[in-house]
Amino acid sequence: MRKAWFLAFLLVALAGSWLQAQSGGDPLRGTWYGGSSNPDNAGYKYQYTFIPTGKDRWYVMADGAYNPDSLGAAVWTTWTGEVVKRSGRYEIRMIALLTNDPVHPPEELPTIHGVMGLLTLNSERQVTINYDTWAAYKWGDDPFVSEPQSWMLAPGKGPPITEVINRMSMGK
């Protein structure tokens, strides 16, 4: 009887280790898709990529599937930034550059937009991101450090922008 319990325990432990190895033990690594669940922003969808860069750190890229004109910009770059796990919380900060200058090359320096928020791991296949800060900075300013030129969403001033994203499946 003891031998059977030991073998069952060993089998469960090995299966858990195998599953952990398949995901690399990383809760975020990979490609994700989804977007805003806020009624006013439901059409804004993104493809996210998370790449581990160190212990509890990830490079993040979010590429939007919408026309930048809908946000009042002629050109809007991909959002890029970092996720850092601190005290059990996943903090995200990303920036994107935008300009309304249609001239090639642009004569106007771009504006730096920065978003900041928290990620919640709903499951190994779904994450909710709550952005509670969105600000615009002048070229030359240090995003998240300098005083913003303008706020789209000031900290504590209104509901967060909520996005739900799902991990891309690799099939069977």
N, C-alpha and C. Protein backbone atom coordinates (compact mmCIF):
# COMPACT_ATOMS: atom_id res chain seq x y z
N MET A 1 0.82 -1.19 0.00
CA MET A 1 0.00 0.00 0.00
C MET A 1 0.86 1.26 0.00
N ARG A 2 1.93 1.24 0.84
CA ARG A 2 2.83 2.39 0.90
C ARG A 2 3.51 2.63 -0.45
N LYS A 3 3.87 1.55 -1.09
CA LYS A 3 4.53 1.65 -2.39
C LYS A 3 3.60 2.29 -3.43
N ALA A 4 2.32 1.91 -3.39
CA ALA A 4 1.34 2.47 -4.32
C ALA A 4 1.17 3.97 -4.09
N TRP A 5 1.09 4.40 -2.82
CA TRP A 5 0.97 5.83 -2.51
C TRP A 5 2.21 6.58 -2.97
N PHE A 6 3.36 6.01 -2.73
CA PHE A 6 4.60 6.65 -3.14
C PHE A 6 4.66 6.79 -4.65
N LEU A 7 4.27 5.74 -5.38
CA LEU A 7 4.28 5.81 -6.84
C LEU A 7 3.27 6.83 -7.36
N ALA A 8 2.10 6.90 -6.73
CA ALA A 8 1.09 7.89 -7.12
C ALA A 8 1.61 9.30 -6.86
N PHE A 9 2.23 9.51 -5.70
CA PHE A 9 2.81 10.81 -5.38
C PHE A 9 3.89 11.18 -6.38
N LEU A 10 4.76 10.26 -6.70
CA LEU A 10 5.84 10.49 -7.64
C LEU A 10 5.28 10.83 -9.03
N LEU A 11 4.25 10.14 -9.46
CA LEU A 11 3.63 10.40 -10.75
C LEU A 11 3.04 11.81 -10.79
N VAL A 12 2.34 12.22 -9.75
CA VAL A 12 1.76 13.56 -9.69
C VAL A 12 2.86 14.62 -9.68
N ALA A 13 3.91 14.40 -8.92
CA ALA A 13 5.02 15.36 -8.87
C ALA A 13 5.70 15.48 -10.22
N LEU A 14 5.93 14.37 -10.89
CA LEU A 14 6.56 14.41 -12.21
C LEU A 14 5.66 15.10 -13.23
N ALA A 15 4.37 14.84 -13.17
CA ALA A 15 3.43 15.49 -14.10
C ALA A 15 3.42 17.00 -13.87
N GLY A 16 3.43 17.42 -12.60
CA GLY A 16 3.48 18.85 -12.29
C GLY A 16 4.76 19.49 -12.80
N SER A 17 5.87 18.80 -12.63
CA SER A 17 7.15 19.33 -13.12
C SER A 17 7.15 19.43 -14.63
N TRP A 18 6.57 18.43 -15.30
CA TRP A 18 6.51 18.45 -16.76
C TRP A 18 5.67 19.63 -17.25
N LEU A 19 4.49 19.85 -16.62
CA LEU A 19 3.64 20.97 -17.02
C LEU A 19 4.33 22.30 -16.77
N GLN A 20 5.03 22.42 -15.66
CA GLN A 20 5.77 23.64 -15.35
C GLN A 20 6.84 23.89 -16.40
N ALA A 21 7.51 22.84 -16.84
CA ALA A 21 8.57 22.97 -17.86
C ALA A 21 8.00 23.39 -19.20
N GLN A 22 6.77 22.96 -19.51
CA GLN A 22 6.17 23.30 -20.80
C GLN A 22 5.94 24.80 -20.92
N SER A 23 5.59 25.47 -19.84
CA SER A 23 5.37 26.92 -19.87
C SER A 23 6.62 27.66 -19.46
N GLY A 24 7.68 26.92 -19.18
CA GLY A 24 8.90 27.56 -18.73
C GLY A 24 8.74 28.09 -17.33
N GLY A 25 7.63 27.76 -16.66
CA GLY A 25 7.39 28.27 -15.32
C GLY A 25 7.10 29.77 -15.32
N ASP A 26 6.83 30.33 -16.49
CA ASP A 26 6.64 31.77 -16.61
C ASP A 26 5.17 32.09 -16.85
N PRO A 27 4.56 32.89 -15.99
CA PRO A 27 3.13 33.15 -16.11
C PRO A 27 2.76 34.09 -17.27
N LEU A 28 3.72 34.85 -17.82
CA LEU A 28 3.39 35.83 -18.84
C LEU A 28 4.00 35.56 -20.21
N ARG A 29 5.12 34.86 -20.25
CA ARG A 29 5.84 34.68 -21.52
C ARG A 29 4.91 34.25 -22.65
N GLY A 30 5.06 34.92 -23.80
CA GLY A 30 4.32 34.49 -24.97
C GLY A 30 3.50 35.58 -25.61
N THR A 31 2.60 35.15 -26.48
CA THR A 31 1.74 36.04 -27.25
C THR A 31 0.32 35.98 -26.71
N TRP A 32 -0.27 37.14 -26.56
CA TRP A 32 -1.62 37.28 -26.00
C TRP A 32 -2.43 38.18 -26.92
N TYR A 33 -3.75 38.11 -26.83
CA TYR A 33 -4.61 38.97 -27.63
C TYR A 33 -5.88 39.30 -26.84
N GLY A 34 -6.47 40.44 -27.15
CA GLY A 34 -7.69 40.86 -26.47
C GLY A 34 -7.76 42.36 -26.50
N GLY A 35 -8.40 42.92 -25.50
CA GLY A 35 -8.48 44.37 -25.47
C GLY A 35 -9.49 44.87 -24.47
N SER A 36 -9.86 46.11 -24.71
CA SER A 36 -10.68 46.83 -23.75
C SER A 36 -12.04 46.18 -23.55
N SER A 37 -12.46 46.16 -22.30
CA SER A 37 -13.80 45.67 -21.99
C SER A 37 -14.68 46.82 -21.53
N ASN A 38 -14.13 48.06 -21.53
CA ASN A 38 -14.93 49.22 -21.20
C ASN A 38 -15.89 49.51 -22.37
N PRO A 39 -17.17 49.76 -22.12
CA PRO A 39 -18.12 49.98 -23.21
C PRO A 39 -17.70 51.11 -24.16
N ASP A 40 -17.10 52.17 -23.65
CA ASP A 40 -16.70 53.29 -24.51
C ASP A 40 -15.49 52.96 -25.39
N ASN A 41 -14.74 51.93 -25.02
CA ASN A 41 -13.51 51.59 -25.75
C ASN A 41 -13.50 50.15 -26.25
N ALA A 42 -14.64 49.52 -26.38
CA ALA A 42 -14.71 48.08 -26.68
C ALA A 42 -14.04 47.71 -28.00
N GLY A 43 -13.94 48.63 -28.95
CA GLY A 43 -13.34 48.32 -30.25
C GLY A 43 -11.83 48.29 -30.27
N TYR A 44 -11.19 48.75 -29.20
CA TYR A 44 -9.72 48.81 -29.17
C TYR A 44 -9.16 47.46 -28.73
N LYS A 45 -8.57 46.75 -29.68
CA LYS A 45 -8.02 45.43 -29.42
C LYS A 45 -6.52 45.44 -29.69
N TYR A 46 -5.80 44.56 -28.99
CA TYR A 46 -4.34 44.54 -29.05
C TYR A 46 -3.81 43.12 -29.15
N GLN A 47 -2.59 43.04 -29.66
CA GLN A 47 -1.79 41.82 -29.58
C GLN A 47 -0.63 42.16 -28.67
N TYR A 48 -0.52 41.47 -27.56
CA TYR A 48 0.55 41.69 -26.59
C TYR A 48 1.61 40.61 -26.73
N THR A 49 2.86 40.97 -26.51
CA THR A 49 3.95 40.01 -26.42
C THR A 49 4.73 40.30 -25.15
N PHE A 50 4.96 39.25 -24.35
CA PHE A 50 5.73 39.37 -23.11
C PHE A 50 6.98 38.51 -23.26
N ILE A 51 8.14 39.09 -23.03
CA ILE A 51 9.41 38.37 -23.12
C ILE A 51 10.15 38.54 -21.80
N PRO A 52 10.49 37.45 -21.11
CA PRO A 52 11.23 37.57 -19.84
C PRO A 52 12.59 38.23 -20.07
N THR A 53 12.94 39.17 -19.18
CA THR A 53 14.25 39.84 -19.27
C THR A 53 15.07 39.66 -18.01
N GLY A 54 14.53 39.00 -17.02
CA GLY A 54 15.21 38.78 -15.76
C GLY A 54 14.20 38.27 -14.74
N LYS A 55 14.67 38.11 -13.53
CA LYS A 55 13.78 37.63 -12.47
C LYS A 55 12.66 38.64 -12.24
N ASP A 56 11.42 38.20 -12.42
CA ASP A 56 10.23 39.02 -12.19
C ASP A 56 10.19 40.28 -13.06
N ARG A 57 10.73 40.18 -14.29
CA ARG A 57 10.75 41.31 -15.24
C ARG A 57 10.48 40.81 -16.65
N TRP A 58 9.68 41.60 -17.40
CA TRP A 58 9.34 41.25 -18.77
C TRP A 58 9.35 42.49 -19.64
N TYR A 59 9.82 42.33 -20.87
CA TYR A 59 9.61 43.34 -21.91
C TYR A 59 8.20 43.10 -22.42
N VAL A 60 7.45 44.17 -22.68
CA VAL A 60 6.09 44.02 -23.20
C VAL A 60 5.91 44.92 -24.42
N MET A 61 5.19 44.38 -25.39
CA MET A 61 4.84 45.13 -26.59
C MET A 61 3.35 44.93 -26.83
N ALA A 62 2.64 46.03 -27.11
CA ALA A 62 1.21 45.95 -27.41
C ALA A 62 0.96 46.68 -28.72
N ASP A 63 0.51 45.94 -29.70
CA ASP A 63 0.27 46.49 -31.02
C ASP A 63 -1.24 46.57 -31.25
N GLY A 64 -1.75 47.77 -31.46
CA GLY A 64 -3.19 47.97 -31.58
C GLY A 64 -3.73 47.68 -32.96
N ALA A 65 -4.94 47.15 -33.00
CA ALA A 65 -5.63 46.86 -34.26
C ALA A 65 -6.70 47.92 -34.50
N TYR A 66 -6.25 49.16 -34.72
CA TYR A 66 -7.17 50.27 -34.99
C TYR A 66 -6.40 51.37 -35.72
N ASN A 67 -7.14 52.26 -36.31
CA ASN A 67 -6.56 53.38 -37.04
C ASN A 67 -6.16 54.47 -36.04
N PRO A 68 -4.90 54.96 -36.07
CA PRO A 68 -4.50 56.00 -35.12
C PRO A 68 -5.33 57.28 -35.24
N ASP A 69 -5.95 57.51 -36.41
CA ASP A 69 -6.81 58.69 -36.56
C ASP A 69 -7.95 58.67 -35.56
N SER A 70 -8.38 57.47 -35.16
CA SER A 70 -9.49 57.37 -34.20
C SER A 70 -9.10 57.94 -32.85
N LEU A 71 -7.80 58.05 -32.60
CA LEU A 71 -7.31 58.65 -31.35
C LEU A 71 -6.75 60.05 -31.58
N GLY A 72 -6.95 60.57 -32.79
CA GLY A 72 -6.52 61.93 -33.09
C GLY A 72 -5.05 62.05 -33.45
N ALA A 73 -4.44 61.00 -33.98
CA ALA A 73 -3.03 61.05 -34.34
C ALA A 73 -2.83 60.51 -35.75
N ALA A 74 -1.96 61.16 -36.51
CA ALA A 74 -1.65 60.68 -37.86
C ALA A 74 -0.74 59.45 -37.78
N VAL A 75 0.19 59.46 -36.83
CA VAL A 75 1.12 58.35 -36.65
C VAL A 75 1.19 58.02 -35.16
N TRP A 76 1.08 56.74 -34.85
CA TRP A 76 1.15 56.28 -33.46
C TRP A 76 1.99 55.02 -33.45
N THR A 77 3.08 54.99 -32.70
CA THR A 77 3.94 53.82 -32.67
C THR A 77 3.34 52.72 -31.79
N THR A 78 3.92 51.55 -31.89
CA THR A 78 3.55 50.43 -31.03
C THR A 78 3.89 50.79 -29.58
N TRP A 79 3.04 50.37 -28.66
CA TRP A 79 3.32 50.55 -27.23
C TRP A 79 4.39 49.54 -26.81
N THR A 80 5.42 50.00 -26.12
CA THR A 80 6.44 49.10 -25.58
C THR A 80 6.76 49.52 -24.16
N GLY A 81 7.24 48.57 -23.37
CA GLY A 81 7.59 48.91 -21.99
C GLY A 81 8.00 47.69 -21.21
N GLU A 82 7.69 47.73 -19.91
CA GLU A 82 8.11 46.67 -19.00
C GLU A 82 7.00 46.29 -18.04
N VAL A 83 7.06 45.05 -17.60
CA VAL A 83 6.25 44.57 -16.48
C VAL A 83 7.24 44.16 -15.40
N VAL A 84 6.98 44.58 -14.17
CA VAL A 84 7.83 44.23 -13.04
C VAL A 84 6.94 43.69 -11.93
N LYS A 85 7.34 42.55 -11.37
CA LYS A 85 6.60 41.99 -10.24
C LYS A 85 7.24 42.50 -8.97
N ARG A 86 6.45 43.26 -8.19
CA ARG A 86 6.92 43.82 -6.91
C ARG A 86 5.91 43.49 -5.83
N SER A 87 6.37 42.91 -4.77
CA SER A 87 5.51 42.58 -3.63
C SER A 87 4.27 41.80 -4.07
N GLY A 88 4.45 40.88 -5.02
CA GLY A 88 3.35 40.04 -5.47
C GLY A 88 2.43 40.71 -6.48
N ARG A 89 2.70 41.95 -6.86
CA ARG A 89 1.86 42.67 -7.82
C ARG A 89 2.63 42.86 -9.12
N TYR A 90 1.93 42.71 -10.24
CA TYR A 90 2.53 42.89 -11.56
C TYR A 90 2.22 44.31 -12.04
N GLU A 91 3.25 45.16 -12.10
CA GLU A 91 3.09 46.55 -12.54
C GLU A 91 3.51 46.65 -14.00
N ILE A 92 2.72 47.37 -14.80
CA ILE A 92 3.02 47.56 -16.21
C ILE A 92 3.17 49.05 -16.51
N ARG A 93 4.18 49.37 -17.30
CA ARG A 93 4.40 50.73 -17.80
C ARG A 93 4.80 50.62 -19.26
N MET A 94 4.12 51.38 -20.10
CA MET A 94 4.44 51.37 -21.52
C MET A 94 4.39 52.80 -22.06
N ILE A 95 5.15 53.02 -23.15
CA ILE A 95 5.10 54.30 -23.84
C ILE A 95 4.87 54.07 -25.33
N ALA A 96 4.34 55.10 -25.98
CA ALA A 96 4.18 55.14 -27.43
C ALA A 96 4.40 56.59 -27.86
N LEU A 97 4.90 56.76 -29.07
CA LEU A 97 5.11 58.10 -29.61
C LEU A 97 4.01 58.41 -30.61
N LEU A 98 3.57 59.68 -30.65
CA LEU A 98 2.57 60.06 -31.64
C LEU A 98 2.85 61.44 -32.17
N THR A 99 2.42 61.65 -33.40
CA THR A 99 2.54 62.96 -34.02
C THR A 99 1.37 63.16 -34.97
N ASN A 100 1.03 64.41 -35.19
CA ASN A 100 0.01 64.77 -36.17
C ASN A 100 0.64 65.41 -37.39
N ASP A 101 1.95 65.44 -37.43
CA ASP A 101 2.68 66.09 -38.52
C ASP A 101 2.70 65.17 -39.74
N PRO A 102 2.01 65.57 -40.84
CA PRO A 102 1.96 64.72 -42.02
C PRO A 102 3.17 64.86 -42.94
N VAL A 103 4.09 65.76 -42.62
CA VAL A 103 5.25 66.02 -43.47
C VAL A 103 6.29 64.93 -43.28
N HIS A 104 6.99 64.57 -44.36
CA HIS A 104 8.07 63.58 -44.29
C HIS A 104 9.39 64.26 -44.58
N PRO A 105 10.38 64.26 -43.71
CA PRO A 105 10.27 63.80 -42.32
C PRO A 105 9.49 64.81 -41.49
N PRO A 106 8.91 64.36 -40.39
CA PRO A 106 8.11 65.27 -39.55
C PRO A 106 8.94 66.45 -39.06
N GLU A 107 8.33 67.60 -39.08
CA GLU A 107 8.98 68.81 -38.55
C GLU A 107 8.68 68.98 -37.07
N GLU A 108 7.59 68.36 -36.63
CA GLU A 108 7.15 68.45 -35.23
C GLU A 108 7.70 67.26 -34.46
N LEU A 109 8.23 67.51 -33.26
CA LEU A 109 8.68 66.40 -32.42
C LEU A 109 7.46 65.64 -31.88
N PRO A 110 7.57 64.33 -31.75
CA PRO A 110 6.42 63.56 -31.27
C PRO A 110 6.14 63.82 -29.78
N THR A 111 4.93 63.49 -29.40
CA THR A 111 4.53 63.49 -28.00
C THR A 111 4.72 62.07 -27.48
N ILE A 112 5.14 61.94 -26.23
CA ILE A 112 5.32 60.63 -25.60
C ILE A 112 4.09 60.35 -24.75
N HIS A 113 3.37 59.28 -25.06
CA HIS A 113 2.23 58.88 -24.24
C HIS A 113 2.68 57.73 -23.34
N GLY A 114 2.28 57.77 -22.09
CA GLY A 114 2.64 56.73 -21.14
C GLY A 114 1.42 56.22 -20.40
N VAL A 115 1.33 54.90 -20.29
CA VAL A 115 0.26 54.27 -19.50
C VAL A 115 0.90 53.44 -18.39
N MET A 116 0.19 53.35 -17.29
CA MET A 116 0.69 52.61 -16.13
C MET A 116 -0.50 51.91 -15.48
N GLY A 117 -0.27 50.68 -14.98
CA GLY A 117 -1.35 49.96 -14.33
C GLY A 117 -0.87 48.67 -13.69
N LEU A 118 -1.84 47.80 -13.40
CA LEU A 118 -1.57 46.53 -12.74
C LEU A 118 -2.17 45.39 -13.54
N LEU A 119 -1.46 44.27 -13.57
CA LEU A 119 -1.95 43.05 -14.21
C LEU A 119 -2.44 42.10 -13.13
N THR A 120 -3.52 41.39 -13.43
CA THR A 120 -4.03 40.34 -12.56
C THR A 120 -4.05 39.06 -13.38
N LEU A 121 -3.41 38.02 -12.86
CA LEU A 121 -3.40 36.72 -13.53
C LEU A 121 -4.69 36.00 -13.17
N ASN A 122 -5.65 35.96 -14.09
CA ASN A 122 -6.93 35.29 -13.85
C ASN A 122 -6.76 33.77 -13.90
N SER A 123 -5.94 33.33 -14.84
CA SER A 123 -5.62 31.91 -15.01
C SER A 123 -4.35 31.86 -15.85
N GLU A 124 -3.88 30.66 -16.16
CA GLU A 124 -2.66 30.58 -16.98
C GLU A 124 -2.94 31.01 -18.41
N ARG A 125 -4.21 31.21 -18.78
CA ARG A 125 -4.57 31.59 -20.14
C ARG A 125 -5.23 32.95 -20.25
N GLN A 126 -5.43 33.66 -19.10
CA GLN A 126 -6.11 34.95 -19.16
C GLN A 126 -5.56 35.92 -18.12
N VAL A 127 -5.39 37.16 -18.57
CA VAL A 127 -4.87 38.24 -17.72
C VAL A 127 -5.80 39.44 -17.87
N THR A 128 -6.03 40.14 -16.76
CA THR A 128 -6.74 41.42 -16.80
C THR A 128 -5.74 42.52 -16.49
N ILE A 129 -5.74 43.57 -17.32
CA ILE A 129 -4.87 44.72 -17.10
C ILE A 129 -5.77 45.90 -16.77
N ASN A 130 -5.49 46.59 -15.67
CA ASN A 130 -6.20 47.81 -15.29
C ASN A 130 -5.22 48.97 -15.35
N TYR A 131 -5.35 49.76 -16.41
CA TYR A 131 -4.53 50.97 -16.55
C TYR A 131 -5.21 52.08 -15.77
N ASP A 132 -4.51 52.63 -14.76
CA ASP A 132 -5.10 53.70 -13.98
C ASP A 132 -4.46 55.05 -14.27
N THR A 133 -3.48 55.08 -15.17
CA THR A 133 -2.79 56.32 -15.51
C THR A 133 -2.50 56.33 -17.01
N TRP A 134 -2.83 57.48 -17.65
CA TRP A 134 -2.47 57.69 -19.06
C TRP A 134 -2.17 59.17 -19.20
N ALA A 135 -0.93 59.48 -19.57
CA ALA A 135 -0.51 60.87 -19.66
C ALA A 135 0.30 61.11 -20.93
N ALA A 136 0.34 62.38 -21.34
CA ALA A 136 1.15 62.79 -22.49
C ALA A 136 2.29 63.67 -21.98
N TYR A 137 3.49 63.40 -22.49
CA TYR A 137 4.69 64.14 -22.09
C TYR A 137 5.31 64.80 -23.30
N LYS A 138 5.92 65.96 -23.09
CA LYS A 138 6.65 66.64 -24.16
C LYS A 138 7.92 65.87 -24.47
N TRP A 139 8.35 65.97 -25.73
CA TRP A 139 9.61 65.37 -26.13
C TRP A 139 10.72 65.92 -25.25
N GLY A 140 11.55 65.08 -24.71
CA GLY A 140 12.63 65.50 -23.82
C GLY A 140 12.30 65.31 -22.36
N ASP A 141 11.00 65.15 -22.04
CA ASP A 141 10.60 64.88 -20.66
C ASP A 141 10.81 63.40 -20.36
N ASP A 142 10.85 63.07 -19.08
CA ASP A 142 11.04 61.69 -18.63
C ASP A 142 9.67 61.13 -18.22
N PRO A 143 9.08 60.25 -19.06
CA PRO A 143 7.76 59.72 -18.72
C PRO A 143 7.73 59.08 -17.33
N PHE A 144 6.64 59.30 -16.63
CA PHE A 144 6.37 58.78 -15.29
C PHE A 144 7.20 59.48 -14.21
N VAL A 145 8.10 60.39 -14.61
CA VAL A 145 8.89 61.16 -13.65
C VAL A 145 8.55 62.64 -13.79
N SER A 146 8.62 63.17 -15.03
CA SER A 146 8.29 64.57 -15.29
C SER A 146 6.78 64.80 -15.14
N GLU A 147 6.43 66.05 -14.93
CA GLU A 147 5.02 66.43 -14.89
C GLU A 147 4.46 66.31 -16.31
N PRO A 148 3.32 65.62 -16.50
CA PRO A 148 2.77 65.46 -17.84
C PRO A 148 2.31 66.79 -18.45
N GLN A 149 2.33 66.82 -19.76
CA GLN A 149 1.79 67.95 -20.51
C GLN A 149 0.27 67.94 -20.40
N SER A 150 -0.32 66.72 -20.42
CA SER A 150 -1.76 66.58 -20.23
C SER A 150 -2.06 65.16 -19.75
N TRP A 151 -3.24 65.03 -19.12
CA TRP A 151 -3.70 63.74 -18.62
C TRP A 151 -4.87 63.25 -19.46
N MET A 152 -4.84 62.01 -19.89
CA MET A 152 -6.02 61.37 -20.46
C MET A 152 -6.74 60.62 -19.34
N LEU A 153 -5.97 60.11 -18.38
CA LEU A 153 -6.52 59.44 -17.20
C LEU A 153 -5.54 59.68 -16.05
N ALA A 154 -5.90 60.61 -15.19
CA ALA A 154 -5.05 60.93 -14.04
C ALA A 154 -5.23 59.87 -12.96
N PRO A 155 -4.17 59.58 -12.18
CA PRO A 155 -4.28 58.57 -11.12
C PRO A 155 -5.42 58.91 -10.15
N GLY A 156 -6.29 57.94 -9.92
CA GLY A 156 -7.39 58.12 -8.98
C GLY A 156 -8.52 58.98 -9.50
N LYS A 157 -8.49 59.35 -10.77
CA LYS A 157 -9.53 60.24 -11.33
C LYS A 157 -10.34 59.49 -12.38
N GLY A 158 -11.20 58.64 -11.95
CA GLY A 158 -12.06 57.93 -12.89
C GLY A 158 -11.74 56.45 -12.91
N PRO A 159 -12.64 55.71 -13.56
CA PRO A 159 -12.43 54.25 -13.62
C PRO A 159 -11.23 53.92 -14.50
N PRO A 160 -10.55 52.82 -14.21
CA PRO A 160 -9.40 52.42 -15.02
C PRO A 160 -9.84 51.95 -16.41
N ILE A 161 -8.90 51.94 -17.32
CA ILE A 161 -9.11 51.31 -18.62
C ILE A 161 -8.80 49.83 -18.40
N THR A 162 -9.79 48.99 -18.59
CA THR A 162 -9.63 47.57 -18.32
C THR A 162 -9.52 46.79 -19.62
N GLU A 163 -8.49 45.97 -19.71
CA GLU A 163 -8.30 45.11 -20.87
C GLU A 163 -8.16 43.67 -20.39
N VAL A 164 -8.83 42.77 -21.08
CA VAL A 164 -8.73 41.35 -20.80
C VAL A 164 -8.05 40.72 -22.01
N ILE A 165 -6.95 40.02 -21.74
CA ILE A 165 -6.21 39.39 -22.84
C ILE A 165 -6.09 37.88 -22.58
N ASN A 166 -6.00 37.14 -23.67
CA ASN A 166 -5.95 35.69 -23.61
C ASN A 166 -4.67 35.18 -24.27
N ARG A 167 -4.10 34.16 -23.67
CA ARG A 167 -2.87 33.56 -24.22
C ARG A 167 -3.18 32.84 -25.52
N MET A 168 -2.33 33.05 -26.53
CA MET A 168 -2.48 32.35 -27.79
C MET A 168 -2.17 30.87 -27.54
N SER A 169 -3.03 30.02 -28.05
CA SER A 169 -2.85 28.58 -27.89
C SER A 169 -1.94 28.04 -28.98
N MET A 170 -1.13 27.08 -28.63
CA MET A 170 -0.27 26.42 -29.61
C MET A 170 -0.92 25.14 -30.12
N GLY A 171 -2.18 24.92 -29.76
CA GLY A 171 -2.90 23.74 -30.21
C GLY A 171 -2.44 22.50 -29.47
N LYS A 172 -2.72 21.38 -30.07
CA LYS A 172 -2.38 20.11 -29.41
C LYS A 172 -1.08 19.57 -29.90
